Amino acid sequence: MIHEYFGVNLQLVWDAIEQEVPRLQQKIEAILREWDEGSRSED
């Protein structure tokens, strides 16, 4: 997608940002919560 510098479909990039980033954020937050809960139980 990025290697074709002059042919980047900006709508495709924006759609990916709008759709995939929030999903990724939710997954990362869930992982961090699990990690935090696990580290507390080890204390």
N, C-alpha and C. Protein backbone atom coordinates (compact mmCIF):
# COMPACT_ATOMS: atom_id res chain seq x y z
N MET A 1 0.83 -1.19 0.00
CA MET A 1 0.00 0.00 0.00
C MET A 1 0.88 1.25 0.00
N ILE A 2 1.89 1.29 0.82
CA ILE A 2 2.71 2.50 0.94
C ILE A 2 3.84 2.53 -0.09
N HIS A 3 4.26 1.40 -0.62
CA HIS A 3 5.39 1.38 -1.53
C HIS A 3 5.05 1.99 -2.89
N GLU A 4 3.82 2.14 -3.20
CA GLU A 4 3.42 2.78 -4.45
C GLU A 4 3.10 4.24 -4.12
N TYR A 5 4.14 5.03 -3.94
CA TYR A 5 4.02 6.38 -3.38
C TYR A 5 3.01 7.26 -4.10
N PHE A 6 2.97 7.20 -5.41
CA PHE A 6 2.09 8.09 -6.16
C PHE A 6 0.74 7.45 -6.46
N GLY A 7 0.55 6.22 -6.04
CA GLY A 7 -0.70 5.55 -6.31
C GLY A 7 -1.43 5.13 -5.05
N VAL A 8 -1.13 5.76 -3.92
CA VAL A 8 -1.78 5.41 -2.66
C VAL A 8 -3.24 5.86 -2.72
N ASN A 9 -4.11 4.93 -2.43
CA ASN A 9 -5.53 5.24 -2.37
C ASN A 9 -5.82 5.79 -0.98
N LEU A 10 -5.92 7.10 -0.88
CA LEU A 10 -6.09 7.73 0.42
C LEU A 10 -7.40 7.34 1.09
N GLN A 11 -8.43 7.07 0.29
CA GLN A 11 -9.70 6.64 0.87
C GLN A 11 -9.54 5.27 1.52
N LEU A 12 -8.78 4.40 0.90
CA LEU A 12 -8.51 3.08 1.47
C LEU A 12 -7.73 3.21 2.77
N VAL A 13 -6.75 4.08 2.79
CA VAL A 13 -5.96 4.30 4.01
C VAL A 13 -6.86 4.86 5.12
N TRP A 14 -7.69 5.85 4.78
CA TRP A 14 -8.56 6.45 5.78
C TRP A 14 -9.57 5.45 6.31
N ASP A 15 -10.15 4.63 5.41
CA ASP A 15 -11.09 3.60 5.83
C ASP A 15 -10.43 2.62 6.80
N ALA A 16 -9.20 2.24 6.52
CA ALA A 16 -8.47 1.33 7.41
C ALA A 16 -8.26 1.98 8.77
N ILE A 17 -7.92 3.26 8.77
CA ILE A 17 -7.72 3.98 10.03
C ILE A 17 -9.01 4.00 10.83
N GLU A 18 -10.10 4.35 10.19
CA GLU A 18 -11.38 4.47 10.89
C GLU A 18 -11.90 3.13 11.39
N GLN A 19 -11.66 2.06 10.63
CA GLN A 19 -12.24 0.77 10.98
C GLN A 19 -11.32 -0.11 11.81
N GLU A 20 -10.07 -0.15 11.45
CA GLU A 20 -9.16 -1.10 12.08
C GLU A 20 -8.50 -0.57 13.35
N VAL A 21 -8.19 0.70 13.40
CA VAL A 21 -7.52 1.25 14.57
C VAL A 21 -8.37 1.12 15.83
N PRO A 22 -9.68 1.44 15.78
CA PRO A 22 -10.48 1.25 17.00
C PRO A 22 -10.52 -0.22 17.45
N ARG A 23 -10.60 -1.14 16.50
CA ARG A 23 -10.58 -2.57 16.87
C ARG A 23 -9.26 -2.94 17.52
N LEU A 24 -8.18 -2.45 16.93
CA LEU A 24 -6.85 -2.73 17.49
C LEU A 24 -6.72 -2.13 18.87
N GLN A 25 -7.23 -0.92 19.05
CA GLN A 25 -7.18 -0.27 20.36
C GLN A 25 -7.92 -1.09 21.41
N GLN A 26 -9.09 -1.60 21.07
CA GLN A 26 -9.86 -2.41 22.01
C GLN A 26 -9.09 -3.67 22.39
N LYS A 27 -8.45 -4.30 21.42
CA LYS A 27 -7.69 -5.52 21.71
C LYS A 27 -6.49 -5.22 22.60
N ILE A 28 -5.80 -4.13 22.32
CA ILE A 28 -4.64 -3.76 23.13
C ILE A 28 -5.07 -3.43 24.55
N GLU A 29 -6.17 -2.70 24.70
CA GLU A 29 -6.66 -2.36 26.03
C GLU A 29 -7.04 -3.62 26.81
N ALA A 30 -7.65 -4.59 26.15
CA ALA A 30 -8.01 -5.85 26.82
C ALA A 30 -6.76 -6.60 27.26
N ILE A 31 -5.76 -6.64 26.40
CA ILE A 31 -4.50 -7.31 26.75
C ILE A 31 -3.86 -6.62 27.94
N LEU A 32 -3.84 -5.29 27.94
CA LEU A 32 -3.24 -4.56 29.05
C LEU A 32 -4.00 -4.77 30.35
N ARG A 33 -5.33 -4.83 30.28
CA ARG A 33 -6.12 -5.10 31.50
C ARG A 33 -5.80 -6.49 32.05
N GLU A 34 -5.73 -7.48 31.16
CA GLU A 34 -5.40 -8.84 31.60
C GLU A 34 -4.00 -8.87 32.21
N TRP A 35 -3.07 -8.20 31.59
CA TRP A 35 -1.69 -8.17 32.08
C TRP A 35 -1.65 -7.49 33.46
N ASP A 36 -2.39 -6.39 33.59
CA ASP A 36 -2.42 -5.66 34.85
C ASP A 36 -3.03 -6.51 35.95
N GLU A 37 -4.14 -7.19 35.66
CA GLU A 37 -4.78 -8.06 36.63
C GLU A 37 -3.87 -9.22 37.02
N GLY A 38 -3.16 -9.76 36.06
CA GLY A 38 -2.22 -10.84 36.34
C GLY A 38 -1.05 -10.42 37.18
N SER A 39 -0.58 -9.22 36.95
CA SER A 39 0.56 -8.73 37.74
C SER A 39 0.15 -8.40 39.15
N ARG A 40 -1.10 -8.03 39.35
CA ARG A 40 -1.57 -7.75 40.72
C ARG A 40 -1.74 -9.03 41.52
N SER A 41 -2.14 -10.11 40.86
CA SER A 41 -2.37 -11.35 41.58
C SER A 41 -1.05 -12.02 41.99
N GLU A 42 0.05 -11.62 41.36
CA GLU A 42 1.36 -12.18 41.69
C GLU A 42 1.97 -11.50 42.90
N ASP A 43 1.43 -10.37 43.32
CA ASP A 43 1.99 -9.63 44.47
C ASP A 43 1.73 -10.32 45.77
